[in-house]
PDB file of N, CA and C in Angstrom:
ATOM      1  N   MET A   1       8.330 -93.437  79.360  1.00  0.00           N
ATOM      2  CA  MET A   1       8.180 -93.108  77.942  1.00  0.00           C
ATOM      3  C   MET A   1       9.432 -92.386  77.459  1.00  0.00           C
ATOM      4  N   ALA A   2       9.877 -92.731  76.279  1.00  0.00           N
ATOM      5  CA  ALA A   2      11.092 -92.139  75.725  1.00  0.00           C
ATOM      6  C   ALA A   2      10.821 -90.714  75.247  1.00  0.00           C
ATOM      7  N   THR A   3      11.772 -89.841  75.526  1.00  0.00           N
ATOM      8  CA  THR A   3      11.670 -88.469  75.048  1.00  0.00           C
ATOM      9  C   THR A   3      12.351 -88.371  73.692  1.00  0.00           C
ATOM     10  N   THR A   4      12.173 -87.228  73.042  1.00  0.00           N
ATOM     11  CA  THR A   4      12.799 -87.029  71.732  1.00  0.00           C
ATOM     12  C   THR A   4      14.312 -87.102  71.842  1.00  0.00           C
ATOM     13  N   SER A   5      14.882 -86.530  72.914  1.00  0.00           N
ATOM     14  CA  SER A   5      16.337 -86.587  73.060  1.00  0.00           C
ATOM     15  C   SER A   5      16.817 -88.025  73.263  1.00  0.00           C
ATOM     16  N   ASP A   6      16.009 -88.859  73.935  1.00  0.00           N
ATOM     17  CA  ASP A   6      16.357 -90.280  74.076  1.00  0.00           C
ATOM     18  C   ASP A   6      16.358 -90.956  72.711  1.00  0.00           C
ATOM     19  N   LEU A   7      15.395 -90.614  71.887  1.00  0.00           N
ATOM     20  CA  LEU A   7      15.297 -91.233  70.565  1.00  0.00           C
ATOM     21  C   LEU A   7      16.469 -90.825  69.680  1.00  0.00           C
ATOM     22  N   HIS A   8      16.956 -89.594  69.823  1.00  0.00           N
ATOM     23  CA  HIS A   8      18.104 -89.144  69.036  1.00  0.00           C
ATOM     24  C   HIS A   8      19.318 -90.020  69.323  1.00  0.00           C
ATOM     25  N   SER A   9      19.472 -90.447  70.567  1.00  0.00           N
ATOM     26  CA  SER A   9      20.630 -91.264  70.925  1.00  0.00           C
ATOM     27  C   SER A   9      20.485 -92.710  70.456  1.00  0.00           C
ATOM     28  N   LEU A  10      19.298 -93.109  70.032  1.00  0.00           N
ATOM     29  CA  LEU A  10      19.057 -94.479  69.598  1.00  0.00           C
ATOM     30  C   LEU A  10      19.116 -94.662  68.079  1.00  0.00           C
ATOM     31  N   LEU A  11      19.445 -93.612  67.356  1.00  0.00           N
ATOM     32  CA  LEU A  11      19.496 -93.718  65.898  1.00  0.00           C
ATOM     33  C   LEU A  11      20.553 -94.738  65.487  1.00  0.00           C
ATOM     34  N   SER A  12      20.244 -95.504  64.433  1.00  0.00           N
ATOM     35  CA  SER A  12      21.137 -96.578  64.004  1.00  0.00           C
ATOM     36  C   SER A  12      21.473 -96.440  62.520  1.00  0.00           C
ATOM     37  N   LYS A  13      22.209 -97.407  62.020  1.00  0.00           N
ATOM     38  CA  LYS A  13      22.554 -97.412  60.596  1.00  0.00           C
ATOM     39  C   LYS A  13      21.309 -97.501  59.720  1.00  0.00           C
ATOM     40  N   ALA A  14      20.310 -98.209  60.190  1.00  0.00           N
ATOM     41  CA  ALA A  14      19.071 -98.322  59.409  1.00  0.00           C
ATOM     42  C   ALA A  14      18.449 -96.953  59.178  1.00  0.00           C
ATOM     43  N   ASP A  15      18.585 -96.077  60.153  1.00  0.00           N
ATOM     44  CA  ASP A  15      18.038 -94.727  60.010  1.00  0.00           C
ATOM     45  C   ASP A  15      18.728 -93.946  58.895  1.00  0.00           C
ATOM     46  N   LEU A  16      19.987 -94.260  58.641  1.00  0.00           N
ATOM     47  CA  LEU A  16      20.706 -93.594  57.551  1.00  0.00           C
ATOM     48  C   LEU A  16      20.064 -93.882  56.199  1.00  0.00           C
ATOM     49  N   TYR A  17      19.458 -95.033  56.072  1.00  0.00           N
ATOM     50  CA  TYR A  17      18.794 -95.405  54.830  1.00  0.00           C
ATOM     51  C   TYR A  17      17.334 -94.955  54.809  1.00  0.00           C
ATOM     52  N   LEU A  18      16.698 -95.010  55.959  1.00  0.00           N
ATOM     53  CA  LEU A  18      15.276 -94.684  56.037  1.00  0.00           C
ATOM     54  C   LEU A  18      15.012 -93.188  55.926  1.00  0.00           C
ATOM     55  N   ALA A  19      15.859 -92.372  56.535  1.00  0.00           N
ATOM     56  CA  ALA A  19      15.626 -90.922  56.566  1.00  0.00           C
ATOM     57  C   ALA A  19      15.477 -90.318  55.163  1.00  0.00           C
ATOM     58  N   PRO A  20      16.385 -90.580  54.226  1.00  0.00           N
ATOM     59  CA  PRO A  20      16.218 -89.997  52.891  1.00  0.00           C
ATOM     60  C   PRO A  20      14.984 -90.531  52.154  1.00  0.00           C
ATOM     61  N   GLN A  21      14.659 -91.803  52.391  1.00  0.00           N
ATOM     62  CA  GLN A  21      13.481 -92.378  51.733  1.00  0.00           C
ATOM     63  C   GLN A  21      12.209 -91.695  52.219  1.00  0.00           C
ATOM     64  N   LEU A  22      12.109 -91.492  53.523  1.00  0.00           N
ATOM     65  CA  LEU A  22      10.937 -90.804  54.069  1.00  0.00           C
ATOM     66  C   LEU A  22      10.889 -89.366  53.599  1.00  0.00           C
ATOM     67  N   ASP A  23      12.033 -88.710  53.609  1.00  0.00           N
ATOM     68  CA  ASP A  23      12.075 -87.317  53.158  1.00  0.00           C
ATOM     69  C   ASP A  23      11.614 -87.197  51.710  1.00  0.00           C
ATOM     70  N   ASN A  24      12.082 -88.087  50.861  1.00  0.00           N
ATOM     71  CA  ASN A  24      11.651 -88.072  49.455  1.00  0.00           C
ATOM     72  C   ASN A  24      10.156 -88.348  49.329  1.00  0.00           C
ATOM     73  N   ALA A  25       9.673 -89.338  50.043  1.00  0.00           N
ATOM     74  CA  ALA A  25       8.255 -89.696  49.963  1.00  0.00           C
ATOM     75  C   ALA A  25       7.372 -88.528  50.379  1.00  0.00           C
ATOM     76  N   ILE A  26       7.743 -87.873  51.472  1.00  0.00           N
ATOM     77  CA  ILE A  26       6.900 -86.817  52.021  1.00  0.00           C
ATOM     78  C   ILE A  26       7.102 -85.488  51.308  1.00  0.00           C
ATOM     79  N   ASN A  27       8.345 -85.083  51.119  1.00  0.00           N
ATOM     80  CA  ASN A  27       8.620 -83.735  50.613  1.00  0.00           C
ATOM     81  C   ASN A  27       8.796 -83.655  49.105  1.00  0.00           C
ATOM     82  N   ARG A  28       9.317 -84.693  48.512  1.00  0.00           N
ATOM     83  CA  ARG A  28       9.555 -84.637  47.062  1.00  0.00           C
ATOM     84  C   ARG A  28       8.356 -85.163  46.273  1.00  0.00           C
ATOM     85  N   PHE A  29       7.779 -86.269  46.735  1.00  0.00           N
ATOM     86  CA  PHE A  29       6.673 -86.889  46.006  1.00  0.00           C
ATOM     87  C   PHE A  29       5.311 -86.622  46.632  1.00  0.00           C
ATOM     88  N   ASN A  30       5.292 -85.894  47.754  1.00  0.00           N
ATOM     89  CA  ASN A  30       4.054 -85.490  48.429  1.00  0.00           C
ATOM     90  C   ASN A  30       3.109 -86.654  48.720  1.00  0.00           C
ATOM     91  N   LEU A  31       3.670 -87.772  49.170  1.00  0.00           N
ATOM     92  CA  LEU A  31       2.831 -88.914  49.523  1.00  0.00           C
ATOM     93  C   LEU A  31       2.127 -88.667  50.850  1.00  0.00           C
ATOM     94  N   ASP A  32       0.904 -89.110  50.948  1.00  0.00           N
ATOM     95  CA  ASP A  32       0.137 -89.007  52.183  1.00  0.00           C
ATOM     96  C   ASP A  32       0.555 -90.154  53.094  1.00  0.00           C
ATOM     97  N   MET A  33       1.231 -89.814  54.176  1.00  0.00           N
ATOM     98  CA  MET A  33       1.766 -90.835  55.078  1.00  0.00           C
ATOM     99  C   MET A  33       0.944 -90.940  56.360  1.00  0.00           C
ATOM    100  N   THR A  34      -0.270 -90.422  56.369  1.00  0.00           N
ATOM    101  CA  THR A  34      -1.070 -90.432  57.598  1.00  0.00           C
ATOM    102  C   THR A  34      -1.394 -91.840  58.082  1.00  0.00           C
ATOM    103  N   GLU A  35      -1.364 -92.810  57.203  1.00  0.00           N
ATOM    104  CA  GLU A  35      -1.620 -94.197  57.600  1.00  0.00           C
ATOM    105  C   GLU A  35      -0.430 -94.820  58.322  1.00  0.00           C
ATOM    106  N   PHE A  36       0.680 -94.096  58.369  1.00  0.00           N
ATOM    107  CA  PHE A  36       1.913 -94.625  58.952  1.00  0.00           C
ATOM    108  C   PHE A  36       2.441 -93.672  60.027  1.00  0.00           C
ATOM    109  N   PRO A  37       1.759 -93.605  61.173  1.00  0.00           N
ATOM    110  CA  PRO A  37       2.147 -92.632  62.211  1.00  0.00           C
ATOM    111  C   PRO A  37       3.567 -92.836  62.739  1.00  0.00           C
ATOM    112  N   LEU A  38       4.034 -94.067  62.803  1.00  0.00           N
ATOM    113  CA  LEU A  38       5.394 -94.300  63.281  1.00  0.00           C
ATOM    114  C   LEU A  38       6.418 -93.697  62.315  1.00  0.00           C
ATOM    115  N   LEU A  39       6.190 -93.877  61.024  1.00  0.00           N
ATOM    116  CA  LEU A  39       7.105 -93.303  60.037  1.00  0.00           C
ATOM    117  C   LEU A  39       7.070 -91.778  60.079  1.00  0.00           C
ATOM    118  N   LEU A  40       5.896 -91.202  60.301  1.00  0.00           N
ATOM    119  CA  LEU A  40       5.796 -89.750  60.434  1.00  0.00           C
ATOM    120  C   LEU A  40       6.562 -89.258  61.659  1.00  0.00           C
ATOM    121  N   LYS A  41       6.473 -90.002  62.747  1.00  0.00           N
ATOM    122  CA  LYS A  41       7.195 -89.638  63.963  1.00  0.00           C
ATOM    123  C   LYS A  41       8.707 -89.727  63.734  1.00  0.00           C
ATOM    124  N   LEU A  42       9.130 -90.789  63.067  1.00  0.00           N
ATOM    125  CA  LEU A  42      10.551 -90.925  62.748  1.00  0.00           C
ATOM    126  C   LEU A  42      11.021 -89.787  61.855  1.00  0.00           C
ATOM    127  N   ASN A  43      10.228 -89.432  60.869  1.00  0.00           N
ATOM    128  CA  ASN A  43      10.597 -88.336  59.980  1.00  0.00           C
ATOM    129  C   ASN A  43      10.743 -87.028  60.758  1.00  0.00           C
ATOM    130  N   LYS A  44       9.867 -86.815  61.718  1.00  0.00           N
ATOM    131  CA  LYS A  44       9.952 -85.613  62.551  1.00  0.00           C
ATOM    132  C   LYS A  44      11.254 -85.619  63.358  1.00  0.00           C
ATOM    133  N   ILE A  45      11.609 -86.767  63.903  1.00  0.00           N
ATOM    134  CA  ILE A  45      12.855 -86.881  64.665  1.00  0.00           C
ATOM    135  C   ILE A  45      14.054 -86.632  63.758  1.00  0.00           C
ATOM    136  N   TYR A  46      14.039 -87.230  62.560  1.00  0.00           N
ATOM    137  CA  TYR A  46      15.138 -87.016  61.620  1.00  0.00           C
ATOM    138  C   TYR A  46      15.276 -85.536  61.287  1.00  0.00           C
ATOM    139  N   SER A  47      14.161 -84.868  61.052  1.00  0.00           N
ATOM    140  CA  SER A  47      14.208 -83.459  60.653  1.00  0.00           C
ATOM    141  C   SER A  47      14.685 -82.559  61.788  1.00  0.00           C
ATOM    142  N   GLN A  48      14.671 -83.051  63.032  1.00  0.00           N
ATOM    143  CA  GLN A  48      15.138 -82.269  64.178  1.00  0.00           C
ATOM    144  C   GLN A  48      16.562 -82.637  64.594  1.00  0.00           C
ATOM    145  N   THR A  49      17.160 -83.578  63.908  1.00  0.00           N
ATOM    146  CA  THR A  49      18.511 -84.038  64.238  1.00  0.00           C
ATOM    147  C   THR A  49      19.506 -83.333  63.316  1.00  0.00           C
ATOM    148  N   PRO A  50      20.458 -82.575  63.874  1.00  0.00           N
ATOM    149  CA  PRO A  50      21.370 -81.769  63.043  1.00  0.00           C
ATOM    150  C   PRO A  50      22.084 -82.545  61.940  1.00  0.00           C
ATOM    151  N   SER A  51      22.578 -83.737  62.232  1.00  0.00           N
ATOM    152  CA  SER A  51      23.306 -84.491  61.195  1.00  0.00           C
ATOM    153  C   SER A  51      22.375 -84.869  60.041  1.00  0.00           C
ATOM    154  N   PHE A  52      21.141 -85.243  60.363  1.00  0.00           N
ATOM    155  CA  PHE A  52      20.185 -85.568  59.304  1.00  0.00           C
ATOM    156  C   PHE A  52      19.759 -84.318  58.546  1.00  0.00           C
ATOM    157  N   GLN A  53      19.639 -83.195  59.222  1.00  0.00           N
ATOM    158  CA  GLN A  53      19.298 -81.943  58.549  1.00  0.00           C
ATOM    159  C   GLN A  53      20.333 -81.632  57.476  1.00  0.00           C
ATOM    160  N   GLN A  54      21.597 -81.813  57.807  1.00  0.00           N
ATOM    161  CA  GLN A  54      22.665 -81.541  56.851  1.00  0.00           C
ATOM    162  C   GLN A  54      22.606 -82.512  55.669  1.00  0.00           C
ATOM    163  N   ILE A  55      22.472 -83.784  55.954  1.00  0.00           N
ATOM    164  CA  ILE A  55      22.427 -84.792  54.893  1.00  0.00           C
ATOM    165  C   ILE A  55      21.229 -84.559  53.973  1.00  0.00           C
ATOM    166  N   LEU A  56      20.067 -84.303  54.563  1.00  0.00           N
ATOM    167  CA  LEU A  56      18.859 -84.125  53.758  1.00  0.00           C
ATOM    168  C   LEU A  56      18.930 -82.855  52.927  1.00  0.00           C
ATOM    169  N   SER A  57      19.534 -81.798  53.444  1.00  0.00           N
ATOM    170  CA  SER A  57      19.655 -80.574  52.649  1.00  0.00           C
ATOM    171  C   SER A  57      20.625 -80.780  51.487  1.00  0.00           C
ATOM    172  N   GLU A  58      21.701 -81.547  51.727  1.00  0.00           N
ATOM    173  CA  GLU A  58      22.644 -81.851  50.645  1.00  0.00           C
ATOM    174  C   GLU A  58      21.975 -82.712  49.577  1.00  0.00           C
ATOM    175  N   THR A  59      21.181 -83.677  49.989  1.00  0.00           N
ATOM    176  CA  THR A  59      20.472 -84.546  49.051  1.00  0.00           C
ATOM    177  C   THR A  59      19.480 -83.741  48.224  1.00  0.00           C
ATOM    178  N   LEU A  60      18.773 -82.825  48.870  1.00  0.00           N
ATOM    179  CA  LEU A  60      17.818 -81.975  48.163  1.00  0.00           C
ATOM    180  C   LEU A  60      18.536 -81.147  47.109  1.00  0.00           C
ATOM    181  N   GLN A  61      19.680 -80.587  47.463  1.00  0.00           N
ATOM    182  CA  GLN A  61      20.440 -79.782  46.501  1.00  0.00           C
ATOM    183  C   GLN A  61      20.903 -80.640  45.331  1.00  0.00           C
ATOM    184  N   GLN A  62      21.326 -81.873  45.581  1.00  0.00           N
ATOM    185  CA  GLN A  62      21.742 -82.764  44.498  1.00  0.00           C
ATOM    186  C   GLN A  62      20.581 -83.042  43.547  1.00  0.00           C
ATOM    187  N   HIS A  63      19.377 -83.244  44.092  1.00  0.00           N
ATOM    188  CA  HIS A  63      18.210 -83.480  43.252  1.00  0.00           C
ATOM    189  C   HIS A  63      17.896 -82.254  42.405  1.00  0.00           C
ATOM    190  N   LYS A  64      18.012 -81.082  43.003  1.00  0.00           N
ATOM    191  CA  LYS A  64      17.752 -79.844  42.257  1.00  0.00           C
ATOM    192  C   LYS A  64      18.775 -79.671  41.144  1.00  0.00           C
ATOM    193  N   ASP A  65      20.054 -79.922  41.460  1.00  0.00           N
ATOM    194  CA  ASP A  65      21.107 -79.797  40.459  1.00  0.00           C
ATOM    195  C   ASP A  65      20.897 -80.790  39.325  1.00  0.00           C
ATOM    196  N   LYS A  66      20.578 -82.040  39.661  1.00  0.00           N
ATOM    197  CA  LYS A  66      20.367 -83.070  38.650  1.00  0.00           C
ATOM    198  C   LYS A  66      19.184 -82.719  37.766  1.00  0.00           C
ATOM    199  N   ALA A  67      18.101 -82.261  38.371  1.00  0.00           N
ATOM    200  CA  ALA A  67      16.923 -81.889  37.589  1.00  0.00           C
ATOM    201  C   ALA A  67      17.255 -80.748  36.642  1.00  0.00           C
ATOM    202  N   PHE A  68      18.069 -79.797  37.100  1.00  0.00           N
ATOM    203  CA  PHE A  68      18.456 -78.676  36.253  1.00  0.00           C
ATOM    204  C   PHE A  68      19.279 -79.166  35.072  1.00  0.00           C
ATOM    205  N   PHE A  69      20.276 -80.017  35.351  1.00  0.00           N
ATOM    206  CA  PHE A  69      21.134 -80.489  34.268  1.00  0.00           C
ATOM    207  C   PHE A  69      20.390 -81.435  33.331  1.00  0.00           C
ATOM    208  N   ASP A  70      19.437 -82.201  33.822  1.00  0.00           N
ATOM    209  CA  ASP A  70      18.621 -83.037  32.948  1.00  0.00           C
ATOM    210  C   ASP A  70      17.777 -82.171  32.020  1.00  0.00           C
ATOM    211  N   PHE A  71      17.354 -81.024  32.528  1.00  0.00           N
ATOM    212  CA  PHE A  71      16.529 -80.115  31.737  1.00  0.00           C
ATOM    213  C   PHE A  71      17.323 -79.502  30.587  1.00  0.00           C
ATOM    214  N   ILE A  72      18.589 -79.146  30.835  1.00  0.00           N
ATOM    215  CA  ILE A  72      19.360 -78.469  29.802  1.00  0.00           C
ATOM    216  C   ILE A  72      20.134 -79.435  28.902  1.00  0.00           C
ATOM    217  N   LYS A  73      20.146 -80.710  29.233  1.00  0.00           N
ATOM    218  CA  LYS A  73      20.844 -81.701  28.437  1.00  0.00           C
ATOM    219  C   LYS A  73      20.153 -81.838  27.073  1.00  0.00           C
ATOM    220  N   PRO A  74      20.931 -81.877  25.980  1.00  0.00           N
ATOM    221  CA  PRO A  74      20.308 -82.023  24.665  1.00  0.00           C
ATOM    222  C   PRO A  74      19.521 -83.349  24.568  1.00  0.00           C
ATOM    223  N   GLN A  75      18.407 -83.291  23.897  1.00  0.00           N
ATOM    224  CA  GLN A  75      17.572 -84.469  23.720  1.00  0.00           C
ATOM    225  C   GLN A  75      18.191 -85.396  22.679  1.00  0.00           C
ATOM    226  N   GLU A  76      18.189 -86.687  22.995  1.00  0.00           N
ATOM    227  CA  GLU A  76      18.702 -87.667  22.049  1.00  0.00           C
ATOM    228  C   GLU A  76      17.560 -88.139  21.162  1.00  0.00           C
ATOM    229  N   ALA A  77      17.876 -88.435  19.923  1.00  0.00           N
ATOM    230  CA  ALA A  77      16.849 -88.883  18.981  1.00  0.00           C
ATOM    231  C   ALA A  77      16.520 -90.325  19.162  1.00  0.00           C
TER     232      ALA A  77
END
């Protein structure tokens, strides 16, 4: 059986696209992902991987900044 450290070494380019999508679904939109145990496991692995931690924190900050600037932007008629 593969350990978590084995799984970290198997991350691929597809994970670069999947990690932010899962993070948004779970943490930003609060979707219930209990029907998808594999995706939950992958999300846990991503959240424990330093490079993904950095990317996801930067993405979160960008969303916060964008939401702030959208809030203060003048409304168009």
